[in-house]
N, C-alpha and C. Protein backbone atom coordinates (compact mmCIF):
# COMPACT_ATOMS: atom_id res chain seq x y z
N MET A 1 -30.62 16.18 -0.99
CA MET A 1 -29.22 16.43 -1.10
C MET A 1 -28.49 16.01 0.18
N LYS A 2 -29.06 16.32 1.33
CA LYS A 2 -28.44 15.95 2.59
C LYS A 2 -28.39 14.44 2.75
N GLN A 3 -29.42 13.75 2.23
CA GLN A 3 -29.45 12.29 2.32
C GLN A 3 -28.34 11.69 1.46
N LYS A 4 -28.08 12.26 0.29
CA LYS A 4 -27.02 11.76 -0.58
C LYS A 4 -25.65 11.93 0.07
N ILE A 5 -25.43 13.08 0.69
CA ILE A 5 -24.17 13.33 1.37
C ILE A 5 -23.99 12.36 2.53
N ALA A 6 -25.07 12.15 3.30
CA ALA A 6 -25.01 11.23 4.42
C ALA A 6 -24.72 9.80 3.94
N LEU A 7 -25.30 9.41 2.82
CA LEU A 7 -25.07 8.08 2.26
C LEU A 7 -23.62 7.92 1.82
N ILE A 8 -23.06 8.92 1.17
CA ILE A 8 -21.66 8.86 0.73
C ILE A 8 -20.73 8.76 1.93
N VAL A 9 -20.99 9.56 2.96
CA VAL A 9 -20.17 9.52 4.17
C VAL A 9 -20.27 8.14 4.82
N ALA A 10 -21.47 7.57 4.87
CA ALA A 10 -21.67 6.26 5.48
C ALA A 10 -20.93 5.16 4.71
N LEU A 11 -20.85 5.29 3.39
CA LEU A 11 -20.17 4.28 2.58
C LEU A 11 -18.65 4.32 2.76
N PHE A 12 -18.09 5.52 2.90
CA PHE A 12 -16.64 5.64 3.01
C PHE A 12 -16.13 5.66 4.44
N ALA A 13 -17.01 5.77 5.41
CA ALA A 13 -16.60 5.83 6.81
C ALA A 13 -15.79 4.61 7.26
N PRO A 14 -16.16 3.37 6.89
CA PRO A 14 -15.36 2.22 7.33
C PRO A 14 -13.91 2.28 6.84
N LEU A 15 -13.70 2.67 5.58
CA LEU A 15 -12.32 2.76 5.08
C LEU A 15 -11.55 3.87 5.78
N ILE A 16 -12.22 4.98 6.02
CA ILE A 16 -11.56 6.09 6.71
C ILE A 16 -11.16 5.66 8.12
N LEU A 17 -12.04 4.94 8.80
CA LEU A 17 -11.73 4.48 10.15
C LEU A 17 -10.57 3.49 10.16
N VAL A 18 -10.54 2.59 9.19
CA VAL A 18 -9.47 1.61 9.12
C VAL A 18 -8.13 2.30 8.90
N PHE A 19 -8.09 3.22 7.94
CA PHE A 19 -6.82 3.88 7.63
C PHE A 19 -6.39 4.86 8.72
N SER A 20 -7.33 5.47 9.42
CA SER A 20 -6.95 6.43 10.45
C SER A 20 -6.44 5.75 11.71
N SER A 21 -6.83 4.49 11.94
CA SER A 21 -6.43 3.81 13.17
C SER A 21 -5.15 2.99 13.02
N ILE A 22 -4.55 2.97 11.84
CA ILE A 22 -3.36 2.16 11.60
C ILE A 22 -2.19 3.09 11.30
N PRO A 23 -1.19 3.09 12.15
CA PRO A 23 0.01 3.87 11.83
C PRO A 23 0.66 3.35 10.56
N ALA A 24 1.28 4.22 9.80
CA ALA A 24 1.86 3.84 8.51
C ALA A 24 2.91 2.75 8.65
N THR A 25 3.59 2.68 9.76
CA THR A 25 4.63 1.67 9.94
C THR A 25 4.06 0.27 10.10
N GLU A 26 2.78 0.15 10.47
CA GLU A 26 2.18 -1.17 10.67
C GLU A 26 1.63 -1.77 9.39
N ALA A 27 1.33 -0.95 8.39
CA ALA A 27 0.78 -1.46 7.14
C ALA A 27 1.86 -2.23 6.40
N GLN A 28 1.53 -3.43 5.97
CA GLN A 28 2.49 -4.26 5.26
C GLN A 28 2.35 -4.01 3.77
N GLN A 29 3.39 -3.53 3.13
CA GLN A 29 3.37 -3.26 1.69
C GLN A 29 3.91 -4.47 0.94
N TYR A 30 3.19 -4.90 -0.06
CA TYR A 30 3.62 -5.99 -0.92
C TYR A 30 3.62 -5.48 -2.36
N THR A 31 4.65 -5.76 -3.09
CA THR A 31 4.67 -5.42 -4.50
C THR A 31 4.74 -6.71 -5.30
N ASP A 32 4.54 -6.59 -6.60
CA ASP A 32 4.58 -7.75 -7.49
C ASP A 32 3.60 -8.82 -7.03
N TYR A 33 2.34 -8.45 -6.91
CA TYR A 33 1.30 -9.36 -6.44
C TYR A 33 1.17 -10.55 -7.39
N GLU A 34 0.97 -11.73 -6.86
CA GLU A 34 1.07 -12.97 -7.62
C GLU A 34 0.01 -13.15 -8.71
N HIS A 35 -1.17 -12.55 -8.57
CA HIS A 35 -2.23 -12.81 -9.55
C HIS A 35 -2.36 -11.72 -10.60
N ASP A 36 -2.32 -10.48 -10.22
CA ASP A 36 -2.58 -9.37 -11.12
C ASP A 36 -1.66 -8.22 -10.73
N LYS A 37 -0.90 -7.72 -11.67
CA LYS A 37 0.07 -6.66 -11.38
C LYS A 37 -0.60 -5.36 -10.95
N SER A 38 -1.90 -5.18 -11.24
CA SER A 38 -2.58 -3.94 -10.86
C SER A 38 -3.12 -3.98 -9.43
N ILE A 39 -3.01 -5.15 -8.76
CA ILE A 39 -3.50 -5.29 -7.38
C ILE A 39 -2.30 -5.36 -6.44
N GLU A 40 -2.30 -4.52 -5.42
CA GLU A 40 -1.22 -4.49 -4.44
C GLU A 40 -1.82 -4.62 -3.04
N LYS A 41 -1.32 -5.55 -2.25
CA LYS A 41 -1.78 -5.68 -0.87
C LYS A 41 -1.32 -4.47 -0.07
N VAL A 42 -2.23 -3.85 0.66
CA VAL A 42 -1.90 -2.69 1.47
C VAL A 42 -1.93 -3.04 2.95
N LEU A 43 -2.96 -3.77 3.35
CA LEU A 43 -3.11 -4.11 4.76
C LEU A 43 -3.52 -5.57 4.89
N VAL A 44 -2.77 -6.30 5.68
CA VAL A 44 -3.09 -7.69 6.00
C VAL A 44 -2.79 -7.86 7.48
N GLU A 45 -3.83 -7.95 8.30
CA GLU A 45 -3.61 -8.12 9.73
C GLU A 45 -4.77 -8.86 10.37
N LYS A 46 -4.46 -9.61 11.41
CA LYS A 46 -5.49 -10.29 12.20
C LYS A 46 -6.30 -9.25 12.96
N ARG A 47 -7.59 -9.51 13.11
CA ARG A 47 -8.45 -8.60 13.88
C ARG A 47 -8.14 -8.75 15.35
N LYS A 48 -8.06 -7.64 16.03
CA LYS A 48 -7.83 -7.66 17.47
C LYS A 48 -9.09 -8.18 18.16
N GLY A 49 -8.94 -9.14 19.04
CA GLY A 49 -10.06 -9.70 19.77
C GLY A 49 -10.74 -10.87 19.08
N ASN A 50 -10.47 -11.08 17.78
CA ASN A 50 -11.07 -12.20 17.06
C ASN A 50 -10.07 -12.69 16.00
N PRO A 51 -9.17 -13.58 16.39
CA PRO A 51 -8.10 -14.00 15.48
C PRO A 51 -8.56 -14.88 14.31
N THR A 52 -9.82 -15.28 14.25
CA THR A 52 -10.29 -16.05 13.09
C THR A 52 -10.67 -15.14 11.93
N TYR A 53 -10.61 -13.83 12.12
CA TYR A 53 -10.91 -12.87 11.06
C TYR A 53 -9.70 -11.98 10.82
N ALA A 54 -9.58 -11.48 9.58
CA ALA A 54 -8.47 -10.60 9.22
C ALA A 54 -9.00 -9.39 8.47
N ASN A 55 -8.32 -8.25 8.65
CA ASN A 55 -8.56 -7.06 7.84
C ASN A 55 -7.70 -7.21 6.59
N TYR A 56 -8.30 -7.01 5.43
CA TYR A 56 -7.57 -7.19 4.18
C TYR A 56 -7.97 -6.08 3.23
N ILE A 57 -7.01 -5.24 2.86
CA ILE A 57 -7.26 -4.12 1.95
C ILE A 57 -6.24 -4.18 0.82
N VAL A 58 -6.71 -3.98 -0.41
CA VAL A 58 -5.84 -3.96 -1.58
C VAL A 58 -5.99 -2.62 -2.30
N LYS A 59 -4.95 -2.24 -3.00
CA LYS A 59 -4.94 -1.03 -3.82
C LYS A 59 -4.93 -1.48 -5.27
N ILE A 60 -5.82 -0.91 -6.08
CA ILE A 60 -5.94 -1.26 -7.49
C ILE A 60 -5.59 -0.02 -8.30
N CYS A 61 -4.62 -0.14 -9.20
CA CYS A 61 -4.17 1.00 -10.00
C CYS A 61 -4.21 0.66 -11.49
N ALA A 62 -4.52 1.67 -12.28
CA ALA A 62 -4.47 1.56 -13.74
C ALA A 62 -3.22 2.30 -14.19
N GLU A 63 -2.09 1.60 -14.25
CA GLU A 63 -0.82 2.26 -14.53
C GLU A 63 -0.53 2.42 -16.01
N GLU A 64 -0.75 1.37 -16.79
CA GLU A 64 -0.39 1.41 -18.21
C GLU A 64 -1.49 1.98 -19.10
N SER A 65 -2.74 1.73 -18.76
CA SER A 65 -3.87 2.23 -19.54
C SER A 65 -5.09 2.25 -18.64
N SER A 66 -6.18 2.84 -19.12
CA SER A 66 -7.41 2.83 -18.31
C SER A 66 -7.86 1.39 -18.13
N LYS A 67 -8.58 1.14 -17.05
CA LYS A 67 -8.92 -0.23 -16.67
C LYS A 67 -10.39 -0.30 -16.29
N LYS A 68 -11.10 -1.26 -16.83
CA LYS A 68 -12.49 -1.52 -16.48
C LYS A 68 -12.51 -2.44 -15.27
N LEU A 69 -13.15 -1.98 -14.20
CA LEU A 69 -13.26 -2.79 -12.99
C LEU A 69 -14.63 -3.43 -12.94
N GLY A 70 -14.66 -4.72 -12.86
CA GLY A 70 -15.91 -5.46 -12.75
C GLY A 70 -16.03 -6.06 -11.36
N LYS A 71 -15.94 -7.37 -11.28
CA LYS A 71 -16.03 -8.07 -10.00
C LYS A 71 -14.64 -8.42 -9.49
N LEU A 72 -14.42 -8.14 -8.21
CA LEU A 72 -13.16 -8.48 -7.55
C LEU A 72 -13.45 -9.57 -6.53
N LEU A 73 -12.73 -10.65 -6.61
CA LEU A 73 -12.88 -11.76 -5.68
C LEU A 73 -11.79 -11.65 -4.62
N ILE A 74 -12.21 -11.47 -3.36
CA ILE A 74 -11.29 -11.49 -2.23
C ILE A 74 -11.49 -12.84 -1.55
N HIS A 75 -10.40 -13.59 -1.37
CA HIS A 75 -10.55 -14.96 -0.88
C HIS A 75 -9.50 -15.29 0.18
N SER A 76 -9.87 -16.25 1.00
CA SER A 76 -8.97 -16.80 2.02
C SER A 76 -9.08 -18.31 1.95
N ASP A 77 -8.49 -18.98 2.93
CA ASP A 77 -8.59 -20.43 2.97
C ASP A 77 -9.94 -20.90 3.53
N MET A 78 -10.80 -19.97 3.96
CA MET A 78 -12.09 -20.36 4.53
C MET A 78 -13.31 -19.78 3.80
N GLU A 79 -13.17 -18.61 3.14
CA GLU A 79 -14.32 -18.03 2.47
C GLU A 79 -13.88 -17.10 1.35
N SER A 80 -14.87 -16.72 0.52
CA SER A 80 -14.65 -15.79 -0.58
C SER A 80 -15.70 -14.70 -0.53
N ILE A 81 -15.30 -13.50 -0.91
CA ILE A 81 -16.21 -12.36 -0.96
C ILE A 81 -16.06 -11.72 -2.34
N THR A 82 -17.17 -11.46 -3.01
CA THR A 82 -17.14 -10.82 -4.32
C THR A 82 -17.60 -9.38 -4.18
N LEU A 83 -16.77 -8.45 -4.66
CA LEU A 83 -17.11 -7.03 -4.67
C LEU A 83 -17.37 -6.61 -6.11
N ASP A 84 -18.47 -5.90 -6.35
CA ASP A 84 -18.84 -5.48 -7.69
C ASP A 84 -18.56 -3.99 -7.86
N PHE A 85 -17.54 -3.64 -8.64
CA PHE A 85 -17.19 -2.24 -8.86
C PHE A 85 -18.06 -1.61 -9.94
N ASN A 86 -18.09 -2.23 -11.13
CA ASN A 86 -18.87 -1.75 -12.26
C ASN A 86 -18.53 -0.29 -12.60
N ARG A 87 -17.23 -0.01 -12.74
CA ARG A 87 -16.78 1.32 -13.14
C ARG A 87 -15.40 1.21 -13.77
N SER A 88 -14.89 2.33 -14.26
CA SER A 88 -13.58 2.36 -14.90
C SER A 88 -12.62 3.23 -14.11
N LEU A 89 -11.33 2.90 -14.23
CA LEU A 89 -10.27 3.72 -13.67
C LEU A 89 -9.49 4.33 -14.83
N ALA A 90 -9.28 5.63 -14.79
CA ALA A 90 -8.47 6.29 -15.81
C ALA A 90 -7.00 5.95 -15.58
N LYS A 91 -6.21 6.04 -16.64
CA LYS A 91 -4.79 5.75 -16.55
C LYS A 91 -4.16 6.64 -15.47
N GLY A 92 -3.42 6.02 -14.55
CA GLY A 92 -2.77 6.74 -13.47
C GLY A 92 -3.58 6.83 -12.19
N ASP A 93 -4.86 6.47 -12.23
CA ASP A 93 -5.72 6.52 -11.04
C ASP A 93 -5.65 5.21 -10.25
N CYS A 94 -5.96 5.31 -8.96
CA CYS A 94 -5.99 4.15 -8.08
C CYS A 94 -7.26 4.18 -7.22
N THR A 95 -7.66 3.04 -6.73
CA THR A 95 -8.77 2.93 -5.80
C THR A 95 -8.43 1.82 -4.80
N PHE A 96 -9.20 1.76 -3.73
CA PHE A 96 -8.97 0.75 -2.69
C PHE A 96 -10.20 -0.13 -2.55
N ALA A 97 -9.97 -1.38 -2.16
CA ALA A 97 -11.05 -2.31 -1.86
C ALA A 97 -10.60 -3.15 -0.67
N GLY A 98 -11.55 -3.62 0.09
CA GLY A 98 -11.17 -4.44 1.22
C GLY A 98 -12.34 -5.14 1.86
N ALA A 99 -12.02 -5.99 2.79
CA ALA A 99 -13.04 -6.75 3.49
C ALA A 99 -12.47 -7.28 4.80
N VAL A 100 -13.35 -7.60 5.69
CA VAL A 100 -13.01 -8.38 6.88
C VAL A 100 -13.41 -9.80 6.52
N ILE A 101 -12.44 -10.70 6.53
CA ILE A 101 -12.66 -12.03 6.00
C ILE A 101 -12.20 -13.09 6.99
N LYS A 102 -12.96 -14.17 7.05
CA LYS A 102 -12.65 -15.29 7.95
C LYS A 102 -11.52 -16.11 7.34
N ASN A 103 -10.53 -16.46 8.17
CA ASN A 103 -9.41 -17.24 7.65
C ASN A 103 -8.68 -17.98 8.77
N LYS A 104 -7.92 -18.99 8.38
CA LYS A 104 -7.07 -19.72 9.32
C LYS A 104 -5.63 -19.22 9.21
N ASN A 105 -5.13 -19.10 7.99
CA ASN A 105 -3.75 -18.69 7.75
C ASN A 105 -3.75 -17.37 7.01
N ILE A 106 -3.21 -16.34 7.62
CA ILE A 106 -3.22 -14.99 7.03
C ILE A 106 -2.42 -14.93 5.73
N GLU A 107 -1.51 -15.85 5.52
CA GLU A 107 -0.71 -15.88 4.29
C GLU A 107 -1.54 -16.30 3.07
N ASN A 108 -2.71 -16.89 3.27
CA ASN A 108 -3.54 -17.38 2.16
C ASN A 108 -4.54 -16.36 1.64
N LEU A 109 -4.48 -15.12 2.10
CA LEU A 109 -5.39 -14.09 1.60
C LEU A 109 -4.96 -13.68 0.20
N GLY A 110 -5.96 -13.48 -0.67
CA GLY A 110 -5.66 -13.09 -2.04
C GLY A 110 -6.81 -12.36 -2.68
N ALA A 111 -6.56 -11.77 -3.83
CA ALA A 111 -7.58 -11.06 -4.58
C ALA A 111 -7.32 -11.19 -6.06
N SER A 112 -8.38 -11.30 -6.85
CA SER A 112 -8.24 -11.37 -8.30
C SER A 112 -9.54 -10.90 -8.95
N PHE A 113 -9.42 -10.41 -10.18
CA PHE A 113 -10.59 -9.97 -10.92
C PHE A 113 -11.24 -11.16 -11.61
N LEU A 114 -12.57 -11.14 -11.66
CA LEU A 114 -13.31 -12.23 -12.29
C LEU A 114 -13.62 -11.95 -13.75
N ASN A 115 -13.42 -10.72 -14.22
CA ASN A 115 -13.75 -10.38 -15.61
C ASN A 115 -12.55 -10.49 -16.52
């Protein structure tokens, strides 16, 4: 039981650290995302000390009906990362996903579902 709790804490610790270190005024909110209305950019910023990488976090919500989450593709002008959710969101629920991704132009960061 203690191992399961430690594993859960270890999985969510990076997101907790990212959100706790960013004042709310610095997070850039974007609405009407270009690819999927259920995906909203929450954080887009260059990494301090390494400008070739960016922190990129999106919020995914099931507003109109429940939503099956499969694979989410997070992409930039230099690389792509695939995240596998394999779960469902009930209507009205939201979740977050993100990555540290290599890029040249921070404006080219995007996310879309592959299913």
